[in-house]
C-alpha atoms as a PDB file:
ATOM      1  CA  MET A   1     -60.600 -12.216 105.420  1.00  0.00           C
ATOM      2  CA  GLU A   2     -56.870 -12.552 106.590  1.00  0.00           C
ATOM      3  CA  ILE A   3     -55.865 -12.871 103.811  1.00  0.00           C
ATOM      4  CA  LEU A   4     -56.916 -10.090 102.128  1.00  0.00           C
ATOM      5  CA  ASN A   5     -55.193  -7.781 104.505  1.00  0.00           C
ATOM      6  CA  GLN A   6     -51.930  -9.399 104.573  1.00  0.00           C
ATOM      7  CA  LEU A   7     -52.379  -9.226 100.737  1.00  0.00           C
ATOM      8  CA  GLY A   8     -53.373  -5.274 101.289  1.00  0.00           C
ATOM      9  CA  SER A   9     -50.506  -5.246 104.024  1.00  0.00           C
ATOM     10  CA  LEU A  10     -47.589  -6.860 101.530  1.00  0.00           C
ATOM     11  CA  ILE A  11     -48.898  -4.651  98.734  1.00  0.00           C
ATOM     12  CA  LEU A  12     -48.871  -1.849 100.481  1.00  0.00           C
ATOM     13  CA  GLY A  13     -44.997  -2.439 101.422  1.00  0.00           C
ATOM     14  CA  ALA A  14     -44.475  -3.120  97.849  1.00  0.00           C
ATOM     15  CA  VAL A  15     -45.824   0.405  97.040  1.00  0.00           C
ATOM     16  CA  PRO A  16     -42.232   2.119  97.650  1.00  0.00           C
ATOM     17  CA  THR A  17     -40.535  -0.446  96.210  1.00  0.00           C
ATOM     18  CA  MET A  18     -42.728  -0.446  92.832  1.00  0.00           C
ATOM     19  CA  ILE A  19     -42.254   3.086  92.986  1.00  0.00           C
ATOM     20  CA  LEU A  20     -38.823   3.332  93.195  1.00  0.00           C
ATOM     21  CA  PHE A  21     -38.260   0.529  90.504  1.00  0.00           C
ATOM     22  CA  ILE A  22     -40.904   2.764  88.147  1.00  0.00           C
ATOM     23  CA  LEU A  23     -38.246   6.057  89.220  1.00  0.00           C
ATOM     24  CA  LEU A  24     -35.280   3.236  88.461  1.00  0.00           C
ATOM     25  CA  VAL A  25     -36.702   2.353  84.900  1.00  0.00           C
ATOM     26  CA  VAL A  26     -37.755   5.852  84.845  1.00  0.00           C
ATOM     27  CA  ALA A  27     -34.034   7.148  84.881  1.00  0.00           C
ATOM     28  CA  TYR A  28     -32.265   3.938  83.188  1.00  0.00           C
ATOM     29  CA  SER A  29     -34.667   5.269  80.167  1.00  0.00           C
ATOM     30  CA  PHE A  30     -33.386   9.371  80.541  1.00  0.00           C
ATOM     31  CA  LEU A  31     -30.151   8.519  81.430  1.00  0.00           C
ATOM     32  CA  VAL A  32     -28.791   4.955  79.806  1.00  0.00           C
ATOM     33  CA  ARG A  33     -31.469   4.319  76.825  1.00  0.00           C
ATOM     34  CA  ARG A  34     -32.286   7.637  75.105  1.00  0.00           C
ATOM     35  CA  PRO A  35     -27.987   7.930  74.280  1.00  0.00           C
ATOM     36  CA  LEU A  36     -27.584   4.633  74.187  1.00  0.00           C
ATOM     37  CA  ASP A  37     -30.272   4.657  70.740  1.00  0.00           C
ATOM     38  CA  ARG A  38     -29.056   8.533  69.780  1.00  0.00           C
ATOM     39  CA  THR A  39     -25.478   6.432  69.724  1.00  0.00           C
ATOM     40  CA  LEU A  40     -26.815   3.816  67.659  1.00  0.00           C
ATOM     41  CA  ALA A  41     -29.165   5.538  64.805  1.00  0.00           C
ATOM     42  CA  GLU A  42     -25.903   7.661  64.334  1.00  0.00           C
ATOM     43  CA  ARG A  43     -23.397   4.732  64.041  1.00  0.00           C
ATOM     44  CA  ARG A  44     -26.539   3.058  61.502  1.00  0.00           C
ATOM     45  CA  HIS A  45     -26.488   6.226  59.772  1.00  0.00           C
ATOM     46  CA  ARG A  46     -22.630   6.441  59.479  1.00  0.00           C
ATOM     47  CA  THR A  47     -22.500   2.657  58.302  1.00  0.00           C
ATOM     48  CA  THR A  48     -25.081   3.216  55.925  1.00  0.00           C
ATOM     49  CA  GLY A  49     -23.587   6.730  54.726  1.00  0.00           C
ATOM     50  CA  ALA A  50     -20.381   4.155  54.597  1.00  0.00           C
ATOM     51  CA  ILE A  51     -21.667   1.716  53.094  1.00  0.00           C
ATOM     52  CA  GLU A  52     -23.536   3.957  50.235  1.00  0.00           C
ATOM     53  CA  GLN A  53     -19.613   6.083  49.686  1.00  0.00           C
ATOM     54  CA  ALA A  54     -18.224   1.871  49.110  1.00  0.00           C
ATOM     55  CA  ARG A  55     -20.910   1.435  46.515  1.00  0.00           C
ATOM     56  CA  GLY A  56     -20.460   4.562  45.292  1.00  0.00           C
ATOM     57  CA  ALA A  57     -16.606   4.154  45.288  1.00  0.00           C
ATOM     58  CA  ILE A  58     -17.341   1.067  43.658  1.00  0.00           C
ATOM     59  CA  THR A  59     -19.415   1.977  41.002  1.00  0.00           C
ATOM     60  CA  ALA A  60     -16.689   4.406  40.459  1.00  0.00           C
ATOM     61  CA  ALA A  61     -14.046   1.706  40.307  1.00  0.00           C
ATOM     62  CA  GLU A  62     -15.917  -0.397  37.788  1.00  0.00           C
ATOM     63  CA  ALA A  63     -16.301   2.943  35.505  1.00  0.00           C
ATOM     64  CA  GLU A  64     -12.771   3.766  35.603  1.00  0.00           C
ATOM     65  CA  THR A  65     -11.553  -0.272  35.101  1.00  0.00           C
ATOM     66  CA  ALA A  66     -14.069  -0.420  32.087  1.00  0.00           C
ATOM     67  CA  VAL A  67     -12.328   2.642  31.062  1.00  0.00           C
ATOM     68  CA  TYR A  68      -9.568   1.204  31.135  1.00  0.00           C
ATOM     69  CA  GLU A  69      -9.690  -1.718  29.818  1.00  0.00           C
ATOM     70  CA  ASP A  70     -11.424  -0.395  26.183  1.00  0.00           C
ATOM     71  CA  LYS A  71      -8.055   1.925  26.449  1.00  0.00           C
ATOM     72  CA  LEU A  72      -6.296  -1.192  26.729  1.00  0.00           C
ATOM     73  CA  ARG A  73      -8.239  -2.691  24.412  1.00  0.00           C
ATOM     74  CA  THR A  74      -7.918   0.161  21.858  1.00  0.00           C
ATOM     75  CA  ALA A  75      -3.961   0.084  22.209  1.00  0.00           C
ATOM     76  CA  ARG A  76      -3.877  -3.423  21.397  1.00  0.00           C
ATOM     77  CA  GLN A  77      -5.782  -3.772  18.570  1.00  0.00           C
ATOM     78  CA  GLU A  78      -3.669  -0.227  17.570  1.00  0.00           C
ATOM     79  CA  ILE A  79      -0.360  -2.242  18.140  1.00  0.00           C
ATOM     80  CA  LEU A  80      -1.468  -5.203  16.560  1.00  0.00           C
ATOM     81  CA  ALA A  81      -2.684  -3.029  13.562  1.00  0.00           C
ATOM     82  CA  ASP A  82       0.631  -1.615  13.534  1.00  0.00           C
ATOM     83  CA  ARG A  83       2.538  -4.595  13.424  1.00  0.00           C
ATOM     84  CA  GLU A  84       0.412  -6.328  10.600  1.00  0.00           C
ATOM     85  CA  ARG A  85       0.927  -3.389   9.086  1.00  0.00           C
ATOM     86  CA  ARG A  86       4.919  -3.524   9.316  1.00  0.00           C
ATOM     87  CA  VAL A  87       4.930  -6.812   8.986  1.00  0.00           C
ATOM     88  CA  ARG A  88       2.935  -6.230   5.152  1.00  0.00           C
ATOM     89  CA  GLU A  89       5.209  -3.562   4.435  1.00  0.00           C
ATOM     90  CA  ARG A  90       8.144  -5.951   5.042  1.00  0.00           C
ATOM     91  CA  GLN A  91       7.013  -8.468   3.096  1.00  0.00           C
ATOM     92  CA  ASP A  92       6.125  -5.742  -0.217  1.00  0.00           C
ATOM     93  CA  GLU A  93       9.790  -5.211   0.705  1.00  0.00           C
ATOM     94  CA  ARG A  94      10.304  -8.360   0.485  1.00  0.00           C
ATOM     95  CA  ASP A  95       8.717  -8.901  -2.771  1.00  0.00           C
ATOM     96  CA  ARG A  96       9.764  -5.923  -4.366  1.00  0.00           C
ATOM     97  CA  ALA A  97      13.440  -7.371  -3.833  1.00  0.00           C
ATOM     98  CA  LEU A  98      12.895 -10.550  -5.065  1.00  0.00           C
ATOM     99  CA  ALA A  99      11.244  -8.803  -8.153  1.00  0.00           C
ATOM    100  CA  ALA A 100      13.948  -7.042  -8.985  1.00  0.00           C
ATOM    101  CA  ALA A 101      16.643 -10.213  -8.020  1.00  0.00           C
ATOM    102  CA  ARG A 102      14.023 -12.200 -10.791  1.00  0.00           C
ATOM    103  CA  GLN A 103      14.382  -9.615 -13.567  1.00  0.00           C
ATOM    104  CA  GLN A 104      18.540  -8.572 -13.193  1.00  0.00           C
ATOM    105  CA  ALA A 105      18.822 -12.822 -13.139  1.00  0.00           C
ATOM    106  CA  HIS A 106      16.689 -12.987 -16.332  1.00  0.00           C
ATOM    107  CA  GLU A 107      18.604 -10.219 -17.523  1.00  0.00           C
ATOM    108  CA  ARG A 108      21.773 -12.183 -17.051  1.00  0.00           C
ATOM    109  CA  VAL A 109      20.717 -15.101 -18.588  1.00  0.00           C
ATOM    110  CA  ASN A 110      19.146 -13.171 -21.630  1.00  0.00           C
ATOM    111  CA  ALA A 111      23.093 -11.613 -21.633  1.00  0.00           C
ATOM    112  CA  ALA A 112      24.236 -14.928 -21.310  1.00  0.00           C
ATOM    113  CA  ARG A 113      22.261 -16.857 -23.778  1.00  0.00           C
ATOM    114  CA  ALA A 114      23.244 -13.902 -26.526  1.00  0.00           C
ATOM    115  CA  GLU A 115      26.815 -14.029 -25.369  1.00  0.00           C
ATOM    116  CA  ILE A 116      26.532 -17.877 -25.758  1.00  0.00           C
ATOM    117  CA  GLU A 117      24.480 -17.400 -29.560  1.00  0.00           C
ATOM    118  CA  ALA A 118      27.446 -14.550 -30.248  1.00  0.00           C
ATOM    119  CA  SER A 119      30.263 -17.428 -29.349  1.00  0.00           C
ATOM    120  CA  ALA A 120      28.341 -19.713 -31.194  1.00  0.00           C
ATOM    121  CA  GLU A 121      28.114 -18.044 -34.447  1.00  0.00           C
ATOM    122  CA  ALA A 122      31.555 -16.501 -34.278  1.00  0.00           C
ATOM    123  CA  ALA A 123      32.405 -20.415 -33.585  1.00  0.00           C
ATOM    124  CA  ARG A 124      30.577 -21.508 -36.892  1.00  0.00           C
ATOM    125  CA  ARG A 125      31.780 -18.729 -39.369  1.00  0.00           C
ATOM    126  CA  GLN A 126      35.348 -20.057 -37.722  1.00  0.00           C
ATOM    127  CA  ILE A 127      34.390 -23.174 -38.434  1.00  0.00           C
ATOM    128  CA  GLU A 128      32.790 -22.744 -42.043  1.00  0.00           C
ATOM    129  CA  GLY A 129      36.442 -20.630 -43.221  1.00  0.00           C
ATOM    130  CA  SER A 130      38.009 -23.653 -41.281  1.00  0.00           C
ATOM    131  CA  VAL A 131      36.078 -26.467 -43.338  1.00  0.00           C
ATOM    132  CA  VAL A 132      37.941 -24.395 -46.517  1.00  0.00           C
ATOM    133  CA  GLU A 133      41.282 -24.548 -45.858  1.00  0.00           C
ATOM    134  CA  LEU A 134      40.715 -27.720 -44.506  1.00  0.00           C
ATOM    135  CA  GLY A 135      39.272 -29.638 -47.476  1.00  0.00           C
ATOM    136  CA  ASP A 136      41.615 -27.867 -49.504  1.00  0.00           C
ATOM    137  CA  ARG A 137      44.940 -28.805 -47.021  1.00  0.00           C
ATOM    138  CA  ILE A 138      43.189 -33.038 -47.082  1.00  0.00           C
ATOM    139  CA  ILE A 139      42.711 -32.795 -51.060  1.00  0.00           C
ATOM    140  CA  ARG A 140      46.216 -31.530 -51.714  1.00  0.00           C
ATOM    141  CA  SER A 141      47.704 -34.230 -49.443  1.00  0.00           C
ATOM    142  CA  LEU A 142      45.764 -36.885 -50.603  1.00  0.00           C
ATOM    143  CA  LEU A 143      45.895 -35.711 -54.282  1.00  0.00           C
ATOM    144  CA  PRO A 144      48.917 -35.424 -56.424  1.00  0.00           C
ATOM    145  CA  SER A 145      50.788 -32.540 -56.458  1.00  0.00           C
ATOM    146  CA  SER A 146      50.119 -32.063 -60.668  1.00  0.00           C
ATOM    147  CA  ALA A 147      46.012 -32.296 -60.385  1.00  0.00           C
ATOM    148  CA  GLY A 148      45.796 -29.174 -57.987  1.00  0.00           C
ATOM    149  CA  VAL A 149      43.205 -28.276 -56.396  1.00  0.00           C
ATOM    150  CA  SER A 150      41.474 -26.018 -59.061  1.00  0.00           C
ATOM    151  CA  GLU A 151      40.273 -28.658 -61.033  1.00  0.00           C
ATOM    152  CA  VAL A 152      39.292 -30.904 -58.327  1.00  0.00           C
ATOM    153  CA  ARG A 153      37.043 -27.907 -57.115  1.00  0.00           C
ATOM    154  CA  GLN A 154      34.810 -27.172 -60.613  1.00  0.00           C
END
């Protein structure tokens, strides 16, 4: 029984300490824990909001990047199409110039051929005219002058 008395007096002596401890826990809860929980909740809310804003900004940036890449792709295609068009125009121009040069060369060749043929014809006529005259001279030089050229021809 003595142990129970001692235990009772020990509990009775610990009651003020327990009351003080409970008051201290309640004061801690009101003075520190609740403001700390509110601050942490506010920070969590702000962080979550900032993360959502960042995700929204990333999504918007990705959308703008896609638009930019589309515009860039379109611009490159336009540049390539323009370059191909200019190359085709230059090639067509070169082909026209070559065709004109070939035509001009063909005309010159034809003109030179006609000129050569005309010269050859004139030379033939001149040679034919000279043949008769040379034949007469050869005959006169080989035959005595009394026989005459006119008798030989007949």
